Amino acid sequence: MSDCTCETKLCVACDVKNCVHHTADDMCSAGKIQVGHGEASTSSDTRCDTFRAK
C-alpha cells in the first residue's frame, strides 16, 4: 500500500462482513483503502487489497 497522506475522509460502504474493517452499519472503518489488481475493464476485475479476514 502506498504512503498516502490523504486530507479527506470518505464514507465507504462495505458488504464484506468477514473483514476486520467491516462495521455493524455496513461501512468500512479502515484508515486507508487500497484497491488493486492491476488493470481492470469492469468492477469485477478489481479487489479490495485492504481486506483482512476476521
Protein backbone atom coordinates (compact mmCIF):
# COMPACT_ATOMS: atom_id res chain seq x y z
CA MET A 1 0.00 0.00 0.00
CA SER A 2 1.28 3.47 -0.78
CA ASP A 3 2.14 6.01 1.92
CA CYS A 4 -0.76 8.32 1.02
CA THR A 5 -1.35 11.28 3.30
CA CYS A 6 -4.98 11.96 2.45
CA GLU A 7 -6.71 15.01 3.86
CA THR A 8 -10.30 13.96 3.16
CA LYS A 9 -12.49 11.27 4.69
CA LEU A 10 -15.00 9.36 2.62
CA CYS A 11 -17.73 7.04 3.78
CA VAL A 12 -17.16 3.67 2.16
CA ALA A 13 -20.00 1.15 2.18
CA CYS A 14 -18.94 -2.49 2.56
CA ASP A 15 -20.91 -5.74 2.34
CA VAL A 16 -17.96 -7.99 3.29
CA LYS A 17 -18.99 -8.99 6.80
CA ASN A 18 -15.95 -11.23 7.43
CA CYS A 19 -13.46 -8.34 7.14
CA VAL A 20 -11.93 -6.84 10.30
CA HIS A 21 -12.72 -3.35 8.97
CA HIS A 22 -16.46 -4.08 8.48
CA THR A 23 -18.73 -2.18 10.90
CA ALA A 24 -22.20 -3.06 12.19
CA ASP A 25 -23.70 -0.38 9.92
CA ASP A 26 -22.10 -1.95 6.79
CA MET A 27 -19.31 0.60 6.43
CA CYS A 28 -15.51 0.29 6.20
CA SER A 29 -13.51 1.52 9.20
CA ALA A 30 -10.05 1.20 7.60
CA GLY A 31 -7.87 4.30 7.79
CA LYS A 32 -6.81 3.81 4.15
CA ILE A 33 -8.27 1.66 1.38
CA GLN A 34 -6.18 0.12 -1.35
CA VAL A 35 -8.00 -1.08 -4.45
CA GLY A 36 -5.94 -3.29 -6.65
CA HIS A 37 -5.49 -5.96 -9.24
CA GLY A 38 -3.57 -4.08 -11.90
CA GLU A 39 -5.61 -3.24 -14.96
CA ALA A 40 -9.38 -3.50 -14.92
CA SER A 41 -12.10 -3.40 -17.55
CA THR A 42 -15.05 -3.95 -15.20
CA SER A 43 -15.68 -3.55 -11.47
CA SER A 44 -15.43 -7.33 -11.06
CA ASP A 45 -11.79 -7.06 -12.24
CA THR A 46 -10.89 -5.09 -9.08
CA ARG A 47 -10.49 -6.08 -5.45
CA CYS A 48 -10.04 -4.51 -2.05
CA ASP A 49 -6.42 -5.11 -1.05
CA THR A 50 -7.23 -3.70 2.41
CA PHE A 51 -9.37 -6.76 3.26
CA ARG A 52 -8.25 -8.74 6.28
CA ALA A 53 -10.28 -11.73 7.47
CA LYS A 54 -11.77 -11.63 10.97
